């Protein structure tokens, strides 16, 4: 899995934008202005994704490549090292989960536009 795969997958989702709000090496994907995925442009590739707190802990216990969110609220964010040990299908599922968590946290007015 490459950065291009992740980028293409994220940009196919409704109301997703990409930007560099922090620095020139951290690409952030947002849905209606709220972050749901961050990734680095320089190797090694990893992503930060939002998780339900219980799920976040469970994934860290089950997968060596899943760590507490780097520079994020570790209760709600995981860092996933894209090193080939986790299937792309599962990573895409986690991206979907992150997107949905953020969408559900949006104000009702914004959700209704989706």
PDB file of N, CA and C in Angstrom:
ATOM      1  N   UNK A   1       0.850  -1.180   0.000  1.00  0.00           N
ATOM      2  CA  UNK A   1       0.000   0.000   0.000  1.00  0.00           C
ATOM      3  C   UNK A   1       0.890   1.235   0.000  1.00  0.00           C
ATOM      4  N   UNK A   2       0.494   2.214  -0.814  1.00  0.00           N
ATOM      5  CA  UNK A   2       1.292   3.425  -0.948  1.00  0.00           C
ATOM      6  C   UNK A   2       0.479   4.645  -0.518  1.00  0.00           C
ATOM      7  N   UNK A   3       1.165   5.761  -0.417  1.00  0.00           N
ATOM      8  CA  UNK A   3       0.497   7.017  -0.114  1.00  0.00           C
ATOM      9  C   UNK A   3      -0.542   7.339  -1.187  1.00  0.00           C
ATOM     10  N   UNK A   4      -0.232   7.039  -2.439  1.00  0.00           N
ATOM     11  CA  UNK A   4      -1.192   7.299  -3.519  1.00  0.00           C
ATOM     12  C   UNK A   4      -2.478   6.506  -3.329  1.00  0.00           C
ATOM     13  N   UNK A   5      -2.371   5.253  -2.884  1.00  0.00           N
ATOM     14  CA  UNK A   5      -3.566   4.442  -2.623  1.00  0.00           C
ATOM     15  C   UNK A   5      -4.430   5.085  -1.536  1.00  0.00           C
ATOM     16  N   UNK A   6      -3.777   5.512  -0.464  1.00  0.00           N
ATOM     17  CA  UNK A   6      -4.497   6.123   0.654  1.00  0.00           C
ATOM     18  C   UNK A   6      -5.139   7.430   0.211  1.00  0.00           C
ATOM     19  N   UNK A   7      -4.389   8.239  -0.499  1.00  0.00           N
ATOM     20  CA  UNK A   7      -4.880   9.534  -0.962  1.00  0.00           C
ATOM     21  C   UNK A   7      -6.097   9.356  -1.874  1.00  0.00           C
ATOM     22  N   UNK A   8      -5.990   8.474  -2.857  1.00  0.00           N
ATOM     23  CA  UNK A   8      -7.100   8.232  -3.776  1.00  0.00           C
ATOM     24  C   UNK A   8      -8.339   7.748  -3.029  1.00  0.00           C
ATOM     25  N   UNK A   9      -8.134   6.862  -2.079  1.00  0.00           N
ATOM     26  CA  UNK A   9      -9.254   6.307  -1.318  1.00  0.00           C
ATOM     27  C   UNK A   9      -9.960   7.412  -0.525  1.00  0.00           C
ATOM     28  N   UNK A  10      -9.180   8.243   0.147  1.00  0.00           N
ATOM     29  CA  UNK A  10      -9.770   9.312   0.959  1.00  0.00           C
ATOM     30  C   UNK A  10     -10.510  10.335   0.105  1.00  0.00           C
ATOM     31  N   UNK A  11      -9.933  10.702  -1.027  1.00  0.00           N
ATOM     32  CA  UNK A  11     -10.522  11.745  -1.856  1.00  0.00           C
ATOM     33  C   UNK A  11     -11.803  11.305  -2.564  1.00  0.00           C
ATOM     34  N   UNK A  12     -12.081  10.007  -2.586  1.00  0.00           N
ATOM     35  CA  UNK A  12     -13.328   9.514  -3.169  1.00  0.00           C
ATOM     36  C   UNK A  12     -14.520   9.694  -2.221  1.00  0.00           C
ATOM     37  N   UNK A  13     -14.241   9.987  -0.984  1.00  0.00           N
ATOM     38  CA  UNK A  13     -15.308  10.139  -0.004  1.00  0.00           C
ATOM     39  C   UNK A  13     -15.959  11.526  -0.134  1.00  0.00           C
ATOM     40  N   UNK A  14     -17.221  11.607   0.256  1.00  0.00           N
ATOM     41  CA  UNK A  14     -17.965  12.855   0.152  1.00  0.00           C
ATOM     42  C   UNK A  14     -17.367  13.949   1.026  1.00  0.00           C
ATOM     43  N   UNK A  15     -17.270  15.152   0.454  1.00  0.00           N
ATOM     44  CA  UNK A  15     -16.877  16.372   1.157  1.00  0.00           C
ATOM     45  C   UNK A  15     -15.474  16.310   1.768  1.00  0.00           C
ATOM     46  N   UNK A  16     -14.589  15.513   1.181  1.00  0.00           N
ATOM     47  CA  UNK A  16     -13.221  15.400   1.700  1.00  0.00           C
ATOM     48  C   UNK A  16     -12.307  16.387   0.983  1.00  0.00           C
ATOM     49  N   UNK A  17     -11.485  17.039   1.778  1.00  0.00           N
ATOM     50  CA  UNK A  17     -10.452  17.928   1.263  1.00  0.00           C
ATOM     51  C   UNK A  17      -9.116  17.489   1.833  1.00  0.00           C
ATOM     52  N   UNK A  18      -8.049  17.933   1.190  1.00  0.00           N
ATOM     53  CA  UNK A  18      -6.702  17.649   1.697  1.00  0.00           C
ATOM     54  C   UNK A  18      -5.963  18.971   1.839  1.00  0.00           C
ATOM     55  N   UNK A  19      -5.098  19.042   2.843  1.00  0.00           N
ATOM     56  CA  UNK A  19      -4.329  20.261   3.065  1.00  0.00           C
ATOM     57  C   UNK A  19      -3.112  19.972   3.919  1.00  0.00           C
ATOM     58  N   UNK A  20      -2.287  20.989   4.070  1.00  0.00           N
ATOM     59  CA  UNK A  20      -1.072  20.912   4.878  1.00  0.00           C
ATOM     60  C   UNK A  20      -1.133  21.990   5.964  1.00  0.00           C
ATOM     61  N   UNK A  21      -1.976  21.817   6.985  1.00  0.00           N
ATOM     62  CA  UNK A  21      -2.131  22.872   7.987  1.00  0.00           C
ATOM     63  C   UNK A  21      -0.978  22.976   8.997  1.00  0.00           C
ATOM     64  N   UNK A  22      -0.180  21.938   9.124  1.00  0.00           N
ATOM     65  CA  UNK A  22       0.858  21.918  10.152  1.00  0.00           C
ATOM     66  C   UNK A  22       2.249  22.192   9.599  1.00  0.00           C
ATOM     67  N   UNK A  23       2.594  21.500   8.531  1.00  0.00           N
ATOM     68  CA  UNK A  23       3.901  21.650   7.900  1.00  0.00           C
ATOM     69  C   UNK A  23       3.813  21.085   6.493  1.00  0.00           C
ATOM     70  N   UNK A  24       4.915  21.095   5.778  1.00  0.00           N
ATOM     71  CA  UNK A  24       4.914  20.646   4.385  1.00  0.00           C
ATOM     72  C   UNK A  24       5.053  19.136   4.231  1.00  0.00           C
ATOM     73  N   UNK A  25       5.144  18.417   5.339  1.00  0.00           N
ATOM     74  CA  UNK A  25       5.335  16.973   5.293  1.00  0.00           C
ATOM     75  C   UNK A  25       4.154  16.189   5.846  1.00  0.00           C
ATOM     76  N   UNK A  26       3.181  16.876   6.440  1.00  0.00           N
ATOM     77  CA  UNK A  26       2.032  16.197   7.043  1.00  0.00           C
ATOM     78  C   UNK A  26       0.775  16.532   6.254  1.00  0.00           C
ATOM     79  N   UNK A  27       0.299  15.555   5.503  1.00  0.00           N
ATOM     80  CA  UNK A  27      -0.902  15.712   4.701  1.00  0.00           C
ATOM     81  C   UNK A  27      -2.115  15.342   5.552  1.00  0.00           C
ATOM     82  N   UNK A  28      -3.099  16.231   5.578  1.00  0.00           N
ATOM     83  CA  UNK A  28      -4.286  16.038   6.409  1.00  0.00           C
ATOM     84  C   UNK A  28      -5.518  15.946   5.519  1.00  0.00           C
ATOM     85  N   UNK A  29      -6.329  14.949   5.780  1.00  0.00           N
ATOM     86  CA  UNK A  29      -7.599  14.790   5.088  1.00  0.00           C
ATOM     87  C   UNK A  29      -8.711  15.154   6.052  1.00  0.00           C
ATOM     88  N   UNK A  30      -9.625  16.001   5.565  1.00  0.00           N
ATOM     89  CA  UNK A  30     -10.721  16.482   6.397  1.00  0.00           C
ATOM     90  C   UNK A  30     -12.047  16.224   5.699  1.00  0.00           C
ATOM     91  N   UNK A  31     -13.067  16.004   6.512  1.00  0.00           N
ATOM     92  CA  UNK A  31     -14.433  15.950   6.011  1.00  0.00           C
ATOM     93  C   UNK A  31     -15.152  17.154   6.623  1.00  0.00           C
ATOM     94  N   UNK A  32     -15.620  18.024   5.760  1.00  0.00           N
ATOM     95  CA  UNK A  32     -16.301  19.259   6.171  1.00  0.00           C
ATOM     96  C   UNK A  32     -15.497  20.009   7.233  1.00  0.00           C
ATOM     97  N   UNK A  33     -14.191  20.091   7.020  1.00  0.00           N
ATOM     98  CA  UNK A  33     -13.326  20.875   7.894  1.00  0.00           C
ATOM     99  C   UNK A  33     -12.786  20.168   9.123  1.00  0.00           C
ATOM    100  N   UNK A  34     -13.156  18.901   9.336  1.00  0.00           N
ATOM    101  CA  UNK A  34     -12.689  18.143  10.512  1.00  0.00           C
ATOM    102  C   UNK A  34     -11.763  17.014  10.072  1.00  0.00           C
ATOM    103  N   UNK A  35     -10.628  16.901  10.756  1.00  0.00           N
ATOM    104  CA  UNK A  35      -9.634  15.876  10.409  1.00  0.00           C
ATOM    105  C   UNK A  35     -10.155  14.470  10.677  1.00  0.00           C
ATOM    106  N   UNK A  36      -9.871  13.570   9.718  1.00  0.00           N
ATOM    107  CA  UNK A  36     -10.134  12.159   9.978  1.00  0.00           C
ATOM    108  C   UNK A  36      -8.925  11.292   9.663  1.00  0.00           C
ATOM    109  N   UNK A  37      -7.914  11.858   8.978  1.00  0.00           N
ATOM    110  CA  UNK A  37      -6.698  11.104   8.684  1.00  0.00           C
ATOM    111  C   UNK A  37      -5.545  12.069   8.452  1.00  0.00           C
ATOM    112  N   UNK A  38      -4.414  11.726   9.020  1.00  0.00           N
ATOM    113  CA  UNK A  38      -3.172  12.457   8.784  1.00  0.00           C
ATOM    114  C   UNK A  38      -2.141  11.448   8.312  1.00  0.00           C
ATOM    115  N   UNK A  39      -1.256  11.877   7.426  1.00  0.00           N
ATOM    116  CA  UNK A  39      -0.200  10.988   6.972  1.00  0.00           C
ATOM    117  C   UNK A  39       1.062  11.787   6.695  1.00  0.00           C
ATOM    118  N   UNK A  40       2.166  11.112   6.766  1.00  0.00           N
ATOM    119  CA  UNK A  40       3.450  11.735   6.471  1.00  0.00           C
ATOM    120  C   UNK A  40       3.798  11.511   5.003  1.00  0.00           C
ATOM    121  N   UNK A  41       4.502  12.459   4.419  1.00  0.00           N
ATOM    122  CA  UNK A  41       4.919  12.309   3.028  1.00  0.00           C
ATOM    123  C   UNK A  41       6.248  11.572   2.910  1.00  0.00           C
ATOM    124  N   UNK A  42       7.025  11.588   3.980  1.00  0.00           N
ATOM    125  CA  UNK A  42       8.337  10.946   3.951  1.00  0.00           C
ATOM    126  C   UNK A  42       8.273   9.554   4.557  1.00  0.00           C
ATOM    127  N   UNK A  43       9.021   8.615   3.974  1.00  0.00           N
ATOM    128  CA  UNK A  43       9.056   7.254   4.532  1.00  0.00           C
ATOM    129  C   UNK A  43       9.640   7.253   5.937  1.00  0.00           C
ATOM    130  N   UNK A  44       9.278   6.293   6.748  1.00  0.00           N
ATOM    131  CA  UNK A  44       8.317   5.219   6.483  1.00  0.00           C
ATOM    132  C   UNK A  44       6.882   5.740   6.565  1.00  0.00           C
ATOM    133  N   UNK A  45       6.018   5.182   5.741  1.00  0.00           N
ATOM    134  CA  UNK A  45       4.636   5.617   5.657  1.00  0.00           C
ATOM    135  C   UNK A  45       3.846   5.172   6.887  1.00  0.00           C
ATOM    136  N   UNK A  46       3.070   6.105   7.429  1.00  0.00           N
ATOM    137  CA  UNK A  46       2.142   5.790   8.519  1.00  0.00           C
ATOM    138  C   UNK A  46       0.958   6.733   8.397  1.00  0.00           C
ATOM    139  N   UNK A  47      -0.142   6.357   9.039  1.00  0.00           N
ATOM    140  CA  UNK A  47      -1.326   7.207   9.066  1.00  0.00           C
ATOM    141  C   UNK A  47      -1.822   7.333  10.497  1.00  0.00           C
ATOM    142  N   UNK A  48      -2.428   8.460  10.812  1.00  0.00           N
ATOM    143  CA  UNK A  48      -3.141   8.645  12.065  1.00  0.00           C
ATOM    144  C   UNK A  48      -4.616   8.635  11.733  1.00  0.00           C
ATOM    145  N   UNK A  49      -5.368   7.804  12.444  1.00  0.00           N
ATOM    146  CA  UNK A  49      -6.806   7.706  12.220  1.00  0.00           C
ATOM    147  C   UNK A  49      -7.549   7.774  13.542  1.00  0.00           C
ATOM    148  N   UNK A  50      -8.734   8.323  13.482  1.00  0.00           N
ATOM    149  CA  UNK A  50      -9.577   8.430  14.669  1.00  0.00           C
ATOM    150  C   UNK A  50     -10.238   7.083  14.941  1.00  0.00           C
ATOM    151  N   UNK A  51     -10.376   6.751  16.231  1.00  0.00           N
ATOM    152  CA  UNK A  51     -10.976   5.469  16.632  1.00  0.00           C
ATOM    153  C   UNK A  51     -11.859   5.679  17.845  1.00  0.00           C
ATOM    154  N   UNK A  52     -12.827   4.813  17.969  1.00  0.00           N
ATOM    155  CA  UNK A  52     -13.561   4.699  19.217  1.00  0.00           C
ATOM    156  C   UNK A  52     -12.530   4.322  20.286  1.00  0.00           C
ATOM    157  N   UNK A  53     -12.581   4.917  21.488  1.00  0.00           N
ATOM    158  CA  UNK A  53     -11.553   4.641  22.500  1.00  0.00           C
ATOM    159  C   UNK A  53     -11.313   3.159  22.799  1.00  0.00           C
ATOM    160  N   UNK A  54     -12.370   2.362  22.901  1.00  0.00           N
ATOM    161  CA  UNK A  54     -12.193   0.936  23.177  1.00  0.00           C
ATOM    162  C   UNK A  54     -11.554   0.221  21.991  1.00  0.00           C
ATOM    163  N   UNK A  55     -11.966   0.595  20.798  1.00  0.00           N
ATOM    164  CA  UNK A  55     -11.392   0.008  19.587  1.00  0.00           C
ATOM    165  C   UNK A  55      -9.918   0.376  19.468  1.00  0.00           C
ATOM    166  N   UNK A  56      -9.591   1.607  19.796  1.00  0.00           N
ATOM    167  CA  UNK A  56      -8.197   2.058  19.708  1.00  0.00           C
ATOM    168  C   UNK A  56      -7.291   1.159  20.548  1.00  0.00           C
ATOM    169  N   UNK A  57      -7.697   0.886  21.763  1.00  0.00           N
ATOM    170  CA  UNK A  57      -6.902   0.033  22.651  1.00  0.00           C
ATOM    171  C   UNK A  57      -6.841  -1.391  22.113  1.00  0.00           C
ATOM    172  N   UNK A  58      -7.972  -1.917  21.673  1.00  0.00           N
ATOM    173  CA  UNK A  58      -8.022  -3.275  21.136  1.00  0.00           C
ATOM    174  C   UNK A  58      -7.071  -3.440  19.949  1.00  0.00           C
ATOM    175  N   UNK A  59      -7.088  -2.487  19.028  1.00  0.00           N
ATOM    176  CA  UNK A  59      -6.215  -2.584  17.852  1.00  0.00           C
ATOM    177  C   UNK A  59      -4.745  -2.533  18.239  1.00  0.00           C
ATOM    178  N   UNK A  60      -4.401  -1.715  19.212  1.00  0.00           N
ATOM    179  CA  UNK A  60      -3.005  -1.632  19.674  1.00  0.00           C
ATOM    180  C   UNK A  60      -2.550  -2.949  20.281  1.00  0.00           C
ATOM    181  N   UNK A  61      -3.464  -3.630  20.959  1.00  0.00           N
ATOM    182  CA  UNK A  61      -3.121  -4.908  21.577  1.00  0.00           C
ATOM    183  C   UNK A  61      -3.000  -6.023  20.541  1.00  0.00           C
ATOM    184  N   UNK A  62      -3.748  -5.937  19.467  1.00  0.00           N
ATOM    185  CA  UNK A  62      -3.780  -7.002  18.460  1.00  0.00           C
ATOM    186  C   UNK A  62      -2.726  -6.852  17.362  1.00  0.00           C
ATOM    187  N   UNK A  63      -2.298  -5.634  17.067  1.00  0.00           N
ATOM    188  CA  UNK A  63      -1.391  -5.397  15.943  1.00  0.00           C
ATOM    189  C   UNK A  63      -0.174  -4.589  16.383  1.00  0.00           C
ATOM    190  N   UNK A  64       0.997  -5.136  16.135  1.00  0.00           N
ATOM    191  CA  UNK A  64       2.242  -4.443  16.495  1.00  0.00           C
ATOM    192  C   UNK A  64       2.415  -3.137  15.724  1.00  0.00           C
ATOM    193  N   UNK A  65       1.811  -3.034  14.551  1.00  0.00           N
ATOM    194  CA  UNK A  65       1.951  -1.838  13.716  1.00  0.00           C
ATOM    195  C   UNK A  65       0.953  -0.735  14.084  1.00  0.00           C
ATOM    196  N   UNK A  66       0.130  -0.973  15.100  1.00  0.00           N
ATOM    197  CA  UNK A  66      -0.825   0.039  15.562  1.00  0.00           C
ATOM    198  C   UNK A  66      -0.348   0.564  16.909  1.00  0.00           C
ATOM    199  N   UNK A  67      -0.142   1.868  16.950  1.00  0.00           N
ATOM    200  CA  UNK A  67       0.417   2.538  18.124  1.00  0.00           C
ATOM    201  C   UNK A  67      -0.491   3.680  18.568  1.00  0.00           C
ATOM    202  N   UNK A  68      -0.315   4.168  19.801  1.00  0.00           N
ATOM    203  CA  UNK A  68      -1.081   5.359  20.199  1.00  0.00           C
ATOM    204  C   UNK A  68      -0.791   6.508  19.229  1.00  0.00           C
ATOM    205  N   UNK A  69      -1.785   7.322  18.954  1.00  0.00           N
ATOM    206  CA  UNK A  69      -1.662   8.401  17.972  1.00  0.00           C
ATOM    207  C   UNK A  69      -0.508   9.347  18.256  1.00  0.00           C
ATOM    208  N   UNK A  70       0.408   9.428  17.322  1.00  0.00           N
ATOM    209  CA  UNK A  70       1.579  10.293  17.441  1.00  0.00           C
ATOM    210  C   UNK A  70       1.136  11.751  17.387  1.00  0.00           C
ATOM    211  N   UNK A  71       1.465  12.513  18.418  1.00  0.00           N
ATOM    212  CA  UNK A  71       1.093  13.930  18.537  1.00  0.00           C
ATOM    213  C   UNK A  71      -0.418  14.160  18.520  1.00  0.00           C
ATOM    214  N   UNK A  72      -1.176  13.153  18.947  1.00  0.00           N
ATOM    215  CA  UNK A  72      -2.639  13.255  18.945  1.00  0.00           C
ATOM    216  C   UNK A  72      -3.165  12.819  20.313  1.00  0.00           C
ATOM    217  N   UNK A  73      -4.454  13.013  20.530  1.00  0.00           N
ATOM    218  CA  UNK A  73      -5.103  12.514  21.732  1.00  0.00           C
ATOM    219  C   UNK A  73      -5.104  10.991  21.644  1.00  0.00           C
ATOM    220  N   UNK A  74      -4.316  10.361  22.477  1.00  0.00           N
ATOM    221  CA  UNK A  74      -4.110   8.918  22.385  1.00  0.00           C
ATOM    222  C   UNK A  74      -5.354   8.107  22.746  1.00  0.00           C
ATOM    223  N   UNK A  75      -6.319   8.741  23.358  1.00  0.00           N
ATOM    224  CA  UNK A  75      -7.575   8.053  23.659  1.00  0.00           C
ATOM    225  C   UNK A  75      -8.388   7.830  22.378  1.00  0.00           C
ATOM    226  N   UNK A  76      -8.278   8.761  21.433  1.00  0.00           N
ATOM    227  CA  UNK A  76      -9.133   8.731  20.248  1.00  0.00           C
ATOM    228  C   UNK A  76      -8.401   8.493  18.931  1.00  0.00           C
ATOM    229  N   UNK A  77      -7.081   8.485  18.955  1.00  0.00           N
ATOM    230  CA  UNK A  77      -6.322   8.374  17.704  1.00  0.00           C
ATOM    231  C   UNK A  77      -5.271   7.273  17.781  1.00  0.00           C
ATOM    232  N   UNK A  78      -5.127   6.548  16.690  1.00  0.00           N
ATOM    233  CA  UNK A  78      -4.063   5.546  16.539  1.00  0.00           C
ATOM    234  C   UNK A  78      -3.175   5.938  15.372  1.00  0.00           C
ATOM    235  N   UNK A  79      -1.914   5.587  15.495  1.00  0.00           N
ATOM    236  CA  UNK A  79      -0.978   5.661  14.376  1.00  0.00           C
ATOM    237  C   UNK A  79      -0.822   4.249  13.844  1.00  0.00           C
ATOM    238  N   UNK A  80      -0.985   4.099  12.536  1.00  0.00           N
ATOM    239  CA  UNK A  80      -0.849   2.792  11.895  1.00  0.00           C
ATOM    240  C   UNK A  80       0.354   2.856  10.964  1.00  0.00           C
ATOM    241  N   UNK A  81       1.340   2.035  11.245  1.00  0.00           N
ATOM    242  CA  UNK A  81       2.515   1.952  10.375  1.00  0.00           C
ATOM    243  C   UNK A  81       2.139   1.097   9.171  1.00  0.00           C
ATOM    244  N   UNK A  82       2.328   1.644   7.990  1.00  0.00           N
ATOM    245  CA  UNK A  82       1.986   0.931   6.760  1.00  0.00           C
ATOM    246  C   UNK A  82       3.235   0.159   6.331  1.00  0.00           C
ATOM    247  N   UNK A  83       3.385  -1.024   6.920  1.00  0.00           N
ATOM    248  CA  UNK A  83       4.608  -1.807   6.717  1.00  0.00           C
ATOM    249  C   UNK A  83       4.349  -3.172   6.077  1.00  0.00           C
ATOM    250  N   UNK A  84       3.117  -3.391   5.626  1.00  0.00           N
ATOM    251  CA  UNK A  84       2.786  -4.656   4.984  1.00  0.00           C
ATOM    252  C   UNK A  84       2.270  -5.724   5.929  1.00  0.00           C
ATOM    253  N   UNK A  85       2.259  -5.461   7.233  1.00  0.00           N
ATOM    254  CA  UNK A  85       1.801  -6.475   8.185  1.00  0.00           C
ATOM    255  C   UNK A  85       0.281  -6.463   8.368  1.00  0.00           C
ATOM    256  N   UNK A  86      -0.373  -5.386   7.909  1.00  0.00           N
ATOM    257  CA  UNK A  86      -1.825  -5.275   8.003  1.00  0.00           C
ATOM    258  C   UNK A  86      -2.369  -5.160   6.581  1.00  0.00           C
ATOM    259  N   UNK A  87      -3.389  -5.915   6.273  1.00  0.00           N
ATOM    260  CA  UNK A  87      -3.921  -5.935   4.909  1.00  0.00           C
ATOM    261  C   UNK A  87      -4.489  -4.570   4.516  1.00  0.00           C
ATOM    262  N   UNK A  88      -4.357  -4.222   3.237  1.00  0.00           N
ATOM    263  CA  UNK A  88      -4.977  -2.979   2.763  1.00  0.00           C
ATOM    264  C   UNK A  88      -6.476  -2.939   3.034  1.00  0.00           C
ATOM    265  N   UNK A  89      -7.150  -4.067   2.900  1.00  0.00           N
ATOM    266  CA  UNK A  89      -8.593  -4.125   3.155  1.00  0.00           C
ATOM    267  C   UNK A  89      -8.918  -3.658   4.570  1.00  0.00           C
ATOM    268  N   UNK A  90      -8.132  -4.122   5.545  1.00  0.00           N
ATOM    269  CA  UNK A  90      -8.354  -3.742   6.935  1.00  0.00           C
ATOM    270  C   UNK A  90      -8.020  -2.263   7.153  1.00  0.00           C
ATOM    271  N   UNK A  91      -6.958  -1.798   6.546  1.00  0.00           N
ATOM    272  CA  UNK A  91      -6.600  -0.377   6.670  1.00  0.00           C
ATOM    273  C   UNK A  91      -7.698   0.500   6.080  1.00  0.00           C
ATOM    274  N   UNK A  92      -8.218   0.129   4.919  1.00  0.00           N
ATOM    275  CA  UNK A  92      -9.313   0.899   4.320  1.00  0.00           C
ATOM    276  C   UNK A  92     -10.552   0.881   5.217  1.00  0.00           C
ATOM    277  N   UNK A  93     -10.804  -0.245   5.867  1.00  0.00           N
ATOM    278  CA  UNK A  93     -11.936  -0.328   6.806  1.00  0.00           C
ATOM    279  C   UNK A  93     -11.735   0.656   7.957  1.00  0.00           C
ATOM    280  N   UNK A  94     -10.503   0.720   8.485  1.00  0.00           N
ATOM    281  CA  UNK A  94     -10.219   1.644   9.580  1.00  0.00           C
ATOM    282  C   UNK A  94     -10.339   3.096   9.121  1.00  0.00           C
ATOM    283  N   UNK A  95      -9.959   3.374   7.877  1.00  0.00           N
ATOM    284  CA  UNK A  95     -10.134   4.726   7.328  1.00  0.00           C
ATOM    285  C   UNK A  95     -11.619   5.056   7.267  1.00  0.00           C
ATOM    286  N   UNK A  96     -12.423   4.096   6.808  1.00  0.00           N
ATOM    287  CA  UNK A  96     -13.881   4.291   6.772  1.00  0.00           C
ATOM    288  C   UNK A  96     -14.429   4.579   8.168  1.00  0.00           C
ATOM    289  N   UNK A  97     -13.965   3.821   9.143  1.00  0.00           N
ATOM    290  CA  UNK A  97     -14.424   4.007  10.524  1.00  0.00           C
ATOM    291  C   UNK A  97     -14.066   5.406  11.028  1.00  0.00           C
ATOM    292  N   UNK A  98     -12.854   5.855  10.738  1.00  0.00           N
ATOM    293  CA  UNK A  98     -12.416   7.182  11.155  1.00  0.00           C
ATOM    294  C   UNK A  98     -13.287   8.258  10.521  1.00  0.00           C
ATOM    295  N   UNK A  99     -13.514   8.127   9.227  1.00  0.00           N
ATOM    296  CA  UNK A  99     -14.360   9.071   8.494  1.00  0.00           C
ATOM    297  C   UNK A  99     -15.752   9.131   9.124  1.00  0.00           C
ATOM    298  N   UNK A 100     -16.337   7.959   9.374  1.00  0.00           N
ATOM    299  CA  UNK A 100     -17.691   7.903   9.930  1.00  0.00           C
ATOM    300  C   UNK A 100     -17.762   8.492  11.335  1.00  0.00           C
ATOM    301  N   UNK A 101     -16.743   8.241  12.156  1.00  0.00           N
ATOM    302  CA  UNK A 101     -16.725   8.832  13.499  1.00  0.00           C
ATOM    303  C   UNK A 101     -16.740  10.347  13.424  1.00  0.00           C
ATOM    304  N   UNK A 102     -15.961  10.903  12.515  1.00  0.00           N
ATOM    305  CA  UNK A 102     -15.904  12.350  12.377  1.00  0.00           C
ATOM    306  C   UNK A 102     -17.226  12.881  11.817  1.00  0.00           C
ATOM    307  N   UNK A 103     -17.784  12.211  10.824  1.00  0.00           N
ATOM    308  CA  UNK A 103     -19.071  12.636  10.264  1.00  0.00           C
ATOM    309  C   UNK A 103     -20.134  12.650  11.358  1.00  0.00           C
ATOM    310  N   UNK A 104     -20.168  11.618  12.196  1.00  0.00           N
ATOM    311  CA  UNK A 104     -21.171  11.543  13.259  1.00  0.00           C
ATOM    312  C   UNK A 104     -20.999  12.639  14.306  1.00  0.00           C
ATOM    313  N   UNK A 105     -19.790  13.198  14.420  1.00  0.00           N
ATOM    314  CA  UNK A 105     -19.544  14.257  15.396  1.00  0.00           C
ATOM    315  C   UNK A 105     -19.844  15.650  14.837  1.00  0.00           C
ATOM    316  N   UNK A 106     -20.134  15.730  13.537  1.00  0.00           N
ATOM    317  CA  UNK A 106     -20.451  17.017  12.924  1.00  0.00           C
ATOM    318  C   UNK A 106     -21.808  17.514  13.404  1.00  0.00           C
ATOM    319  N   UNK A 107     -21.989  18.837  13.402  1.00  0.00           N
ATOM    320  CA  UNK A 107     -23.317  19.364  13.740  1.00  0.00           C
ATOM    321  C   UNK A 107     -24.371  18.819  12.777  1.00  0.00           C
ATOM    322  N   UNK A 108     -25.583  18.687  13.267  1.00  0.00           N
ATOM    323  CA  UNK A 108     -26.672  18.111  12.485  1.00  0.00           C
ATOM    324  C   UNK A 108     -26.855  18.839  11.147  1.00  0.00           C
ATOM    325  N   UNK A 109     -26.699  20.135  11.130  1.00  0.00           N
ATOM    326  CA  UNK A 109     -26.867  20.925   9.908  1.00  0.00           C
ATOM    327  C   UNK A 109     -25.879  20.469   8.833  1.00  0.00           C
ATOM    328  N   UNK A 110     -24.642  20.217   9.225  1.00  0.00           N
ATOM    329  CA  UNK A 110     -23.636  19.752   8.258  1.00  0.00           C
ATOM    330  C   UNK A 110     -23.915  18.322   7.823  1.00  0.00           C
ATOM    331  N   UNK A 111     -24.296  17.457   8.764  1.00  0.00           N
ATOM    332  CA  UNK A 111     -24.594  16.062   8.410  1.00  0.00           C
ATOM    333  C   UNK A 111     -25.738  15.984   7.411  1.00  0.00           C
ATOM    334  N   UNK A 112     -26.709  16.855   7.563  1.00  0.00           N
ATOM    335  CA  UNK A 112     -27.869  16.842   6.663  1.00  0.00           C
ATOM    336  C   UNK A 112     -27.493  17.211   5.237  1.00  0.00           C
ATOM    337  N   UNK A 113     -26.400  17.933   5.050  1.00  0.00           N
ATOM    338  CA  UNK A 113     -25.936  18.303   3.706  1.00  0.00           C
ATOM    339  C   UNK A 113     -25.285  17.138   2.987  1.00  0.00           C
ATOM    340  N   UNK A 114     -24.943  16.114   3.733  1.00  0.00           N
ATOM    341  CA  UNK A 114     -24.256  14.976   3.150  1.00  0.00           C
ATOM    342  C   UNK A 114     -25.279  14.062   2.548  1.00  0.00           C
TER     343      UNK A 114
END
